[in-house]
Protein backbone atom coordinates (compact mmCIF):
# COMPACT_ATOMS: atom_id res chain seq x y z
CA UNK A 1 3.55 21.12 40.58
CA UNK A 2 6.30 19.28 41.02
CA UNK A 3 7.33 15.90 38.77
CA UNK A 4 8.38 12.61 40.44
CA UNK A 5 11.53 12.11 37.92
CA UNK A 6 11.61 8.34 37.97
CA UNK A 7 8.14 7.72 37.39
CA UNK A 8 8.73 9.83 34.64
CA UNK A 9 11.66 7.69 33.37
CA UNK A 10 9.91 4.60 33.34
CA UNK A 11 6.67 5.67 31.09
CA UNK A 12 9.24 7.24 28.54
CA UNK A 13 10.80 3.69 28.48
CA UNK A 14 7.64 2.28 28.16
CA UNK A 15 6.65 4.25 25.69
CA UNK A 16 9.65 3.30 23.44
CA UNK A 17 9.31 -0.56 24.36
CA UNK A 18 5.91 -0.16 22.94
CA UNK A 19 7.54 1.92 20.01
CA UNK A 20 10.04 -1.28 18.87
CA UNK A 21 6.36 -3.26 18.25
CA UNK A 22 5.44 -1.06 15.38
CA UNK A 23 8.59 0.03 13.59
CA UNK A 24 8.19 -2.79 10.82
CA UNK A 25 5.12 -0.99 10.08
CA UNK A 26 6.08 2.12 9.76
CA UNK A 27 9.21 1.45 7.85
CA UNK A 28 6.57 -0.14 4.87
CA UNK A 29 4.55 2.76 5.71
CA UNK A 30 6.55 5.01 4.83
CA UNK A 31 7.44 4.19 1.38
CA UNK A 32 3.68 2.40 -0.05
CA UNK A 33 2.66 4.37 -3.08
CA UNK A 34 5.77 7.18 -3.54
CA UNK A 35 8.22 7.09 -6.63
CA UNK A 36 11.28 8.22 -7.09
CA UNK A 37 12.31 12.09 -7.79
CA UNK A 38 7.64 12.27 -7.01
CA UNK A 39 5.88 15.33 -6.54
CA UNK A 40 5.03 16.45 -2.61
CA UNK A 41 1.20 15.02 -3.31
CA UNK A 42 2.24 11.87 -2.63
CA UNK A 43 2.60 12.83 0.83
CA UNK A 44 1.05 14.40 3.82
CA UNK A 45 2.68 17.59 4.65
CA UNK A 46 0.83 19.20 7.29
CA UNK A 47 1.73 17.10 10.67
CA UNK A 48 0.00 18.08 14.29
CA UNK A 49 1.44 17.54 17.85
CA UNK A 50 0.99 17.75 21.54
CA UNK A 51 3.21 16.93 24.63
CA UNK A 52 3.82 16.98 27.88
CA UNK A 53 6.89 17.07 30.14
CA UNK A 54 9.21 19.02 32.67
CA UNK A 55 9.75 21.98 32.86
CA UNK A 56 12.57 23.60 35.23
CA UNK A 57 15.67 26.59 35.79
CA UNK A 58 18.41 24.51 35.14
CA UNK A 59 20.06 22.43 32.30
CA UNK A 60 21.63 19.56 31.44
CA UNK A 61 25.07 21.50 30.63
CA UNK A 62 25.02 23.44 34.21
CA UNK A 63 24.94 27.29 32.65
CA UNK A 64 23.26 30.10 33.65
CA UNK A 65 21.99 29.23 36.50
CA UNK A 66 21.89 32.40 38.61
CA UNK A 67 22.97 30.05 41.69
CA UNK A 68 19.31 28.74 42.04
CA UNK A 69 20.32 25.21 42.93
CA UNK A 70 17.75 23.78 44.39
CA UNK A 71 15.18 23.17 41.52
CA UNK A 72 11.56 22.94 41.16
CA UNK A 73 10.45 20.15 38.86
CA UNK A 74 7.15 21.73 37.56
CA UNK A 75 4.67 20.70 34.66
CA UNK A 76 5.10 21.68 30.87
CA UNK A 77 2.93 20.45 28.28
CA UNK A 78 2.99 21.20 24.58
CA UNK A 79 1.37 21.48 21.33
CA UNK A 80 2.45 22.34 17.45
CA UNK A 81 1.67 22.50 14.08
CA UNK A 82 4.47 21.47 11.25
CA UNK A 83 4.87 21.88 7.82
CA UNK A 84 7.06 19.29 5.83
CA UNK A 85 9.07 20.75 3.11
CA UNK A 86 11.23 17.62 2.43
CA UNK A 87 11.95 14.93 4.32
CA UNK A 88 14.80 16.84 6.32
CA UNK A 89 13.25 19.53 7.19
CA UNK A 90 10.06 21.32 8.25
CA UNK A 91 9.08 24.80 9.95
CA UNK A 92 6.52 24.08 12.72
CA UNK A 93 4.65 26.81 15.07
CA UNK A 94 5.07 25.60 18.36
CA UNK A 95 3.38 26.68 21.71
CA UNK A 96 5.07 26.10 25.30
CA UNK A 97 3.26 26.36 28.39
CA UNK A 98 3.82 25.88 32.56
CA UNK A 99 5.56 27.10 35.94
CA UNK A 100 9.59 27.48 36.24
CA UNK A 101 10.49 27.82 39.49
CA UNK A 102 13.93 27.36 41.94
CA UNK A 103 15.53 28.45 44.83
CA UNK A 104 18.71 29.03 46.79
CA UNK A 105 20.66 26.26 48.95
CA UNK A 106 20.12 28.27 51.86
CA UNK A 107 16.65 28.49 51.58
CA UNK A 108 17.07 32.59 51.38
CA UNK A 109 15.24 33.62 48.30
CA UNK A 110 13.08 31.65 45.96
CA UNK A 111 11.15 32.14 41.89
CA UNK A 112 8.54 31.08 40.87
CA UNK A 113 7.25 32.35 37.45
CA UNK A 114 4.41 30.96 35.19
CA UNK A 115 3.93 31.53 31.31
CA UNK A 116 1.13 31.42 30.70
CA UNK A 117 1.25 30.97 26.35
CA UNK A 118 4.82 31.26 24.11
CA UNK A 119 4.45 31.13 20.65
CA UNK A 120 7.50 30.49 18.40
CA UNK A 121 7.90 29.61 14.76
CA UNK A 122 11.15 27.51 14.36
CA UNK A 123 12.86 25.26 11.28
CA UNK A 124 13.39 21.87 12.41
CA UNK A 125 15.89 19.03 11.11
CA UNK A 126 15.74 14.97 10.44
CA UNK A 127 18.90 14.10 10.21
CA UNK A 128 17.85 10.22 10.16
CA UNK A 129 15.77 10.91 6.18
CA UNK A 130 18.47 11.47 4.42
CA UNK A 131 20.78 8.57 6.00
CA UNK A 132 22.44 5.91 2.99
CA UNK A 133 23.63 3.52 5.52
CA UNK A 134 20.18 2.76 7.11
CA UNK A 135 18.31 4.13 4.74
CA UNK A 136 14.54 3.69 6.02
CA UNK A 137 15.23 3.79 10.09
CA UNK A 138 12.67 4.10 12.35
CA UNK A 139 14.64 6.63 15.25
CA UNK A 140 14.79 9.50 13.64
CA UNK A 141 17.11 12.15 15.56
CA UNK A 142 16.29 15.56 15.05
CA UNK A 143 16.70 19.42 15.86
CA UNK A 144 15.24 22.72 15.60
CA UNK A 145 16.18 25.91 16.21
CA UNK A 146 13.61 29.11 16.35
CA UNK A 147 12.37 32.59 17.71
CA UNK A 148 9.32 33.96 19.35
CA UNK A 149 7.16 35.26 22.20
CA UNK A 150 6.93 34.02 25.76
CA UNK A 151 4.56 35.99 28.05
CA UNK A 152 5.75 34.79 31.98
CA UNK A 153 4.59 36.92 35.59
CA UNK A 154 7.63 36.44 37.91
CA UNK A 155 7.60 36.03 41.92
CA UNK A 156 9.94 36.45 44.01
CA UNK A 157 9.87 35.33 47.60
CA UNK A 158 12.51 36.48 50.54
CA UNK A 159 11.69 35.18 53.39
CA UNK A 160 8.45 35.93 54.06
CA UNK A 161 8.40 38.70 52.10
CA UNK A 162 6.55 37.72 48.60
CA UNK A 163 7.24 40.50 45.30
CA UNK A 164 5.14 39.10 41.61
CA UNK A 165 6.04 41.97 38.58
CA UNK A 166 3.58 42.49 36.20
CA UNK A 167 3.46 40.23 33.82
CA UNK A 168 5.76 40.53 30.98
CA UNK A 169 5.43 39.39 26.70
CA UNK A 170 9.00 39.27 25.32
CA UNK A 171 10.94 37.10 23.32
CA UNK A 172 13.22 33.88 23.71
CA UNK A 173 14.45 31.29 21.18
CA UNK A 174 14.15 27.64 21.28
CA UNK A 175 16.34 25.44 21.16
CA UNK A 176 14.78 21.44 21.06
CA UNK A 177 16.17 18.17 20.34
CA UNK A 178 15.76 14.36 20.27
CA UNK A 179 14.51 11.70 18.69
CA UNK A 180 11.35 10.53 16.13
CA UNK A 181 10.54 6.55 16.55
CA UNK A 182 8.31 6.22 14.22
CA UNK A 183 5.78 3.31 15.99
CA UNK A 184 3.02 3.36 13.05
CA UNK A 185 1.72 5.44 9.40
CA UNK A 186 2.03 8.57 10.13
CA UNK A 187 2.42 8.53 13.52
CA UNK A 188 6.13 9.12 15.68
CA UNK A 189 7.08 9.28 19.59
CA UNK A 190 9.13 12.11 19.95
CA UNK A 191 11.37 12.09 23.02
CA UNK A 192 13.32 15.78 22.99
CA UNK A 193 14.82 17.89 25.56
CA UNK A 194 14.37 21.92 24.81
CA UNK A 195 16.63 25.46 25.73
CA UNK A 196 14.79 27.86 25.91
CA UNK A 197 16.71 31.45 26.24
CA UNK A 198 14.51 34.28 27.80
CA UNK A 199 15.16 37.67 28.80
CA UNK A 200 17.59 38.39 31.96
CA UNK A 201 13.62 39.81 34.31
CA UNK A 202 12.29 35.83 34.53
CA UNK A 203 12.99 34.16 36.87
CA UNK A 204 11.88 38.25 38.36
CA UNK A 205 15.39 39.54 39.05
CA UNK A 206 16.60 43.06 38.14
CA UNK A 207 20.84 42.70 36.99
CA UNK A 208 21.13 46.54 36.49
CA UNK A 209 20.25 46.59 40.13
CA UNK A 210 21.70 43.96 41.42
CA UNK A 211 25.17 44.30 43.64
CA UNK A 212 27.56 42.57 40.81
CA UNK A 213 25.34 43.04 37.14
CA UNK A 214 25.26 40.12 35.21
CA UNK A 215 23.83 40.44 31.57
CA UNK A 216 23.19 36.66 31.00
CA UNK A 217 19.72 35.69 29.85
CA UNK A 218 18.18 33.40 31.62
CA UNK A 219 17.56 29.73 30.52
CA UNK A 220 15.71 27.27 31.50
CA UNK A 221 14.63 23.45 30.11
CA UNK A 222 11.71 21.57 29.08
CA UNK A 223 12.32 17.93 28.56
CA UNK A 224 9.01 15.90 26.63
CA UNK A 225 7.19 13.01 25.09
CA UNK A 226 4.42 13.95 22.94
CA UNK A 227 2.72 12.34 19.56
CA UNK A 228 4.16 13.30 16.37
CA UNK A 229 0.06 12.76 13.91
CA UNK A 230 0.41 13.22 10.51
CA UNK A 231 -2.52 15.09 8.52
CA UNK A 232 -4.92 14.31 6.04
CA UNK A 233 -5.02 11.25 3.32
CA UNK A 234 -4.68 8.08 5.70
CA UNK A 235 -3.83 5.98 2.36
CA UNK A 236 -0.61 8.79 2.65
CA UNK A 237 2.67 8.62 3.83
CA UNK A 238 3.55 11.07 5.30
CA UNK A 239 6.72 13.23 4.50
CA UNK A 240 8.97 13.91 7.53
CA UNK A 241 9.07 9.81 8.35
CA UNK A 242 10.02 9.45 4.76
CA UNK A 243 13.66 9.05 2.74
CA UNK A 244 14.49 9.48 -1.25
CA UNK A 245 16.89 6.24 -0.80
CA UNK A 246 13.88 3.84 0.46
CA UNK A 247 10.97 5.00 -2.40
CA UNK A 248 14.50 4.74 -4.83
CA UNK A 249 15.72 0.79 -3.48
CA UNK A 250 11.28 0.39 -3.08
CA UNK A 251 11.42 1.04 -7.08
CA UNK A 252 14.66 -0.74 -7.92
CA UNK A 253 13.01 -4.12 -6.55
CA UNK A 254 9.67 -3.59 -7.92
CA UNK A 255 10.92 -3.35 -11.85
CA UNK A 256 13.65 -5.46 -11.04
CA UNK A 257 10.74 -8.59 -10.22
CA UNK A 258 8.92 -7.42 -12.36
CA UNK A 259 11.85 -7.79 -15.67
CA UNK A 260 12.48 -11.16 -13.45
CA UNK A 261 8.64 -12.60 -13.78
CA UNK A 262 8.73 -11.24 -17.27
CA UNK A 263 12.01 -13.49 -18.39
CA UNK A 264 11.39 -16.68 -16.72
CA UNK A 265 7.79 -16.66 -18.88
CA UNK A 266 10.09 -15.57 -21.81
CA UNK A 267 12.48 -18.26 -20.82
CA UNK A 268 9.33 -21.46 -20.25
CA UNK A 269 7.52 -20.27 -23.64
CA UNK A 270 10.63 -20.82 -25.45
CA UNK A 271 11.67 -24.61 -23.84
CA UNK A 272 7.90 -25.04 -24.74
CA UNK A 273 8.53 -23.87 -28.55
CA UNK A 274 12.07 -26.05 -28.29
CA UNK A 275 10.09 -28.78 -27.36
CA UNK A 276 6.50 -28.33 -30.16
CA UNK A 277 9.85 -27.94 -32.91
CA UNK A 278 12.10 -31.38 -31.90
CA UNK A 279 8.40 -33.14 -31.42
CA UNK A 280 7.74 -32.39 -35.23
CA UNK A 281 11.45 -32.40 -36.21
CA UNK A 282 10.82 -36.24 -35.12
CA UNK A 283 6.96 -36.60 -36.88
CA UNK A 284 9.08 -35.64 -40.70
CA UNK A 285 11.90 -38.51 -39.85
CA UNK A 286 11.92 -41.64 -41.94
CA UNK A 287 13.45 -43.93 -39.23
CA UNK A 288 12.61 -47.17 -41.04
CA UNK A 289 13.52 -45.70 -44.45
CA UNK A 290 11.03 -47.17 -46.65
CA UNK A 291 9.40 -43.68 -47.86
CA UNK A 292 6.94 -43.00 -45.74
CA UNK A 293 7.28 -40.08 -43.26
CA UNK A 294 6.81 -41.35 -39.40
CA UNK A 295 3.83 -38.89 -39.22
CA UNK A 296 1.83 -41.01 -41.56
CA UNK A 297 3.41 -44.48 -40.97
CA UNK A 298 1.23 -46.49 -39.77
CA UNK A 299 3.37 -49.51 -39.80
CA UNK A 300 6.64 -48.20 -37.74
CA UNK A 301 10.07 -50.37 -38.54
CA UNK A 302 9.43 -51.33 -41.77
CA UNK A 303 12.08 -53.96 -42.76
CA UNK A 304 14.73 -52.77 -45.20
CA UNK A 305 13.31 -53.40 -48.77
CA UNK A 306 10.07 -54.06 -48.12
CA UNK A 307 7.43 -52.36 -50.49
CA UNK A 308 4.46 -50.68 -48.35
CA UNK A 309 1.71 -48.23 -49.16
CA UNK A 310 0.68 -44.81 -48.36
CA UNK A 311 0.18 -45.53 -45.01
CA UNK A 312 3.72 -47.31 -44.33
CA UNK A 313 2.26 -50.35 -44.18
CA UNK A 314 4.15 -53.30 -46.44
CA UNK A 315 1.85 -54.65 -49.85
CA UNK A 316 1.55 -57.99 -51.35
CA UNK A 317 3.03 -57.67 -54.60
CA UNK A 318 1.59 -60.32 -57.37
CA UNK A 319 4.28 -62.81 -59.36
CA UNK A 320 4.45 -61.05 -62.42
CA UNK A 321 6.47 -59.12 -64.84
CA UNK A 322 4.73 -55.84 -66.74
CA UNK A 323 7.08 -54.34 -69.67
CA UNK A 324 6.57 -50.86 -69.18
CA UNK A 325 8.31 -48.47 -71.63
CA UNK A 326 9.12 -45.27 -70.10
CA UNK A 327 8.40 -42.50 -72.92
CA UNK A 328 7.45 -38.67 -71.39
CA UNK A 329 4.69 -37.77 -73.97
CA UNK A 330 2.51 -34.83 -74.31
CA UNK A 331 -0.34 -36.76 -72.69
CA UNK A 332 1.57 -37.54 -69.97
CA UNK A 333 2.71 -33.92 -69.20
CA UNK A 334 -0.61 -32.56 -69.59
CA UNK A 335 -1.60 -34.69 -67.20
CA UNK A 336 0.73 -33.80 -64.73
CA UNK A 337 -0.09 -29.84 -65.56
CA UNK A 338 -3.47 -30.21 -64.72
CA UNK A 339 -3.05 -31.87 -61.17
CA UNK A 340 -0.39 -29.12 -60.60
CA UNK A 341 -2.74 -26.86 -61.57
CA UNK A 342 -6.36 -27.97 -59.44
CA UNK A 343 -4.04 -29.50 -56.55
CA UNK A 344 -5.19 -27.00 -53.97
CA UNK A 345 -5.17 -27.91 -49.62
CA UNK A 346 -6.49 -26.44 -46.43
CA UNK A 347 -5.36 -23.35 -45.68
CA UNK A 348 -2.81 -23.17 -43.53
CA UNK A 349 -2.70 -27.12 -43.51
CA UNK A 350 -1.08 -29.75 -45.27
CA UNK A 351 -4.85 -31.67 -45.85
CA UNK A 352 -5.46 -32.02 -50.06
CA UNK A 353 -9.09 -30.94 -50.78
CA UNK A 354 -11.46 -33.09 -52.28
CA UNK A 355 -12.23 -31.05 -55.51
CA UNK A 356 -8.15 -32.25 -56.29
CA UNK A 357 -8.30 -36.38 -56.18
CA UNK A 358 -9.43 -36.46 -59.44
CA UNK A 359 -6.34 -35.06 -60.86
CA UNK A 360 -3.97 -37.02 -58.74
CA UNK A 361 -5.88 -40.11 -59.47
CA UNK A 362 -5.14 -39.48 -62.88
CA UNK A 363 -1.44 -38.99 -62.42
CA UNK A 364 -1.14 -41.92 -59.89
CA UNK A 365 -2.70 -43.84 -62.81
CA UNK A 366 0.03 -42.98 -65.04
CA UNK A 367 2.63 -43.48 -62.23
CA UNK A 368 1.34 -47.38 -61.56
CA UNK A 369 0.95 -48.34 -65.68
CA UNK A 370 4.36 -46.52 -66.78
CA UNK A 371 6.54 -46.91 -63.49
CA UNK A 372 7.66 -43.08 -63.88
CA UNK A 373 9.48 -41.72 -61.28
CA UNK A 374 8.05 -38.66 -59.65
CA UNK A 375 9.86 -35.23 -57.83
CA UNK A 376 7.26 -33.40 -55.42
CA UNK A 377 8.64 -30.13 -54.43
CA UNK A 378 6.86 -28.18 -52.10
CA UNK A 379 6.89 -24.48 -52.06
CA UNK A 380 5.12 -21.45 -49.85
CA UNK A 381 5.37 -17.72 -49.65
CA UNK A 382 7.34 -15.16 -47.65
CA UNK A 383 4.19 -15.02 -44.78
CA UNK A 384 4.54 -16.24 -41.37
CA UNK A 385 7.77 -17.59 -40.51
CA UNK A 386 10.87 -19.37 -42.35
CA UNK A 387 10.92 -22.45 -40.20
CA UNK A 388 6.70 -22.53 -40.08
CA UNK A 389 6.86 -22.21 -43.49
CA UNK A 390 9.37 -24.66 -43.97
CA UNK A 391 7.00 -27.65 -42.39
CA UNK A 392 4.47 -26.63 -43.93
CA UNK A 393 6.28 -27.16 -47.61
CA UNK A 394 7.71 -30.84 -46.54
CA UNK A 395 4.20 -31.74 -45.46
CA UNK A 396 2.24 -30.88 -48.51
CA UNK A 397 4.70 -32.30 -50.33
CA UNK A 398 4.63 -35.84 -48.45
CA UNK A 399 0.84 -35.92 -47.98
CA UNK A 400 0.73 -35.98 -52.02
CA UNK A 401 3.16 -38.15 -51.70
CA UNK A 402 0.70 -40.60 -48.86
CA UNK A 403 -2.45 -40.27 -51.39
CA UNK A 404 -0.39 -41.49 -54.15
CA UNK A 405 0.87 -44.18 -53.04
CA UNK A 406 -2.62 -44.12 -51.32
CA UNK A 407 -3.71 -45.34 -54.62
CA UNK A 408 -1.81 -47.28 -55.59
CA UNK A 409 2.45 -45.98 -56.29
CA UNK A 410 5.54 -46.47 -55.29
CA UNK A 411 7.04 -45.12 -52.15
CA UNK A 412 10.36 -45.29 -53.43
CA UNK A 413 9.98 -43.88 -57.25
CA UNK A 414 8.41 -40.43 -55.13
CA UNK A 415 10.42 -38.44 -53.60
CA UNK A 416 9.34 -35.31 -51.59
CA UNK A 417 11.01 -32.16 -50.54
CA UNK A 418 9.91 -29.27 -48.25
CA UNK A 419 11.49 -25.87 -49.49
CA UNK A 420 9.53 -23.56 -47.84
CA UNK A 421 9.72 -19.49 -49.30
CA UNK A 422 13.55 -20.16 -50.75
CA UNK A 423 12.76 -20.97 -54.12
CA UNK A 424 9.95 -18.51 -55.70
CA UNK A 425 8.69 -17.55 -58.47
CA UNK A 426 7.23 -14.07 -58.44
CA UNK A 427 7.21 -11.43 -56.21
CA UNK A 428 6.13 -11.61 -53.01
CA UNK A 429 5.25 -8.33 -52.53
CA UNK A 430 1.65 -8.93 -54.43
CA UNK A 431 -1.70 -10.83 -53.12
CA UNK A 432 -0.84 -11.96 -56.99
CA UNK A 433 2.65 -13.32 -56.30
CA UNK A 434 2.52 -14.88 -52.92
CA UNK A 435 0.01 -17.00 -54.75
CA UNK A 436 1.51 -18.43 -57.50
CA UNK A 437 4.36 -18.80 -55.13
CA UNK A 438 2.25 -21.09 -53.26
CA UNK A 439 2.48 -24.31 -54.70
CA UNK A 440 3.97 -27.62 -55.16
CA UNK A 441 5.97 -29.13 -58.75
CA UNK A 442 5.50 -32.48 -60.23
CA UNK A 443 8.36 -33.56 -62.31
CA UNK A 444 8.17 -37.34 -64.02
CA UNK A 445 11.08 -38.73 -65.26
């Protein structure tokens, strides 16, 4: 059977164009689910191949033709199964069948050798899978070399006489090279050229009986196209299409993206926290200088010198003069000490509990009656952040001040300060010590 080489070339070109359209998907499929230095269980390592092409007695290098220069181009067919050991190397067991023929230019002699079967074991190297510049190329050059057994039956025709030799099975050496195109995940288009060194009687000649003996082995070629299909779990990439560099780059990129997302989230959280701190600082400021913090001031922008109540709003003062003797008695001190002991807040807040009002009312009355000055010092234990404790201690001192002012005390004579955990009176290592450190100190003068 002779092959039309022009039609064969067109079919090969069409296969190349088709493979290009699938290139991008094949690239992605070669690294999905793999990790750097991962085990072979992440891949499909077995594959099968089928192909067909042209068998003839010549070769592109032009040697070992034995004057059979009028060539037959016959159909050849092949199949193999391959075990991939690494991305660049594997072993394959292959089959090749068909027939090879040729004739002298003068027509005096011709031969036709049928090759019903052959079996060979070869090592195959794939070069592109170790390329660092094009580390996930879908075009993969390859070469293989092996040793096998070839069954052949040669018929020689001289003039009108044909002689058929006995069928023989001899060793032969197949050497294959070509290109594989990763057209889909686990599927390659295979375009190759195979040289096969056979025994000297492959073409039916007897070199020892020739007037000019030759000791060159017979050589025939096989130009072929076919498909290589990976076996196993379709979700895994094929090892023969994988590239360690591509896996490494993909792993690095994924981890970089993850770290960048975490960094962006932390940056956003920091900005939100900074905004809250700035808002709290603004609340604790006293812009109009009336002695009431912005957070509690219901009447902002009060003119300087105007007497205000606990909410920061101006109060009317009767035109009367009252002489008060500023003498701090033991009774006064007990009143203050009782207020300190009874003072309680909602947990983690600056809200005064109702059971503290009675004692604070007595302190407010004392301040109004004797026009004493009062210093309020808020303290906390060391539980939580320093920033939170400073704010909480300041808020609690301001809350006491606001309450006393609401009962008539002069806000200009009350100073509220927060010290946080910076002035402990007991150890923060015990629950009892921490309880003692959570306090508001009253100092009258």
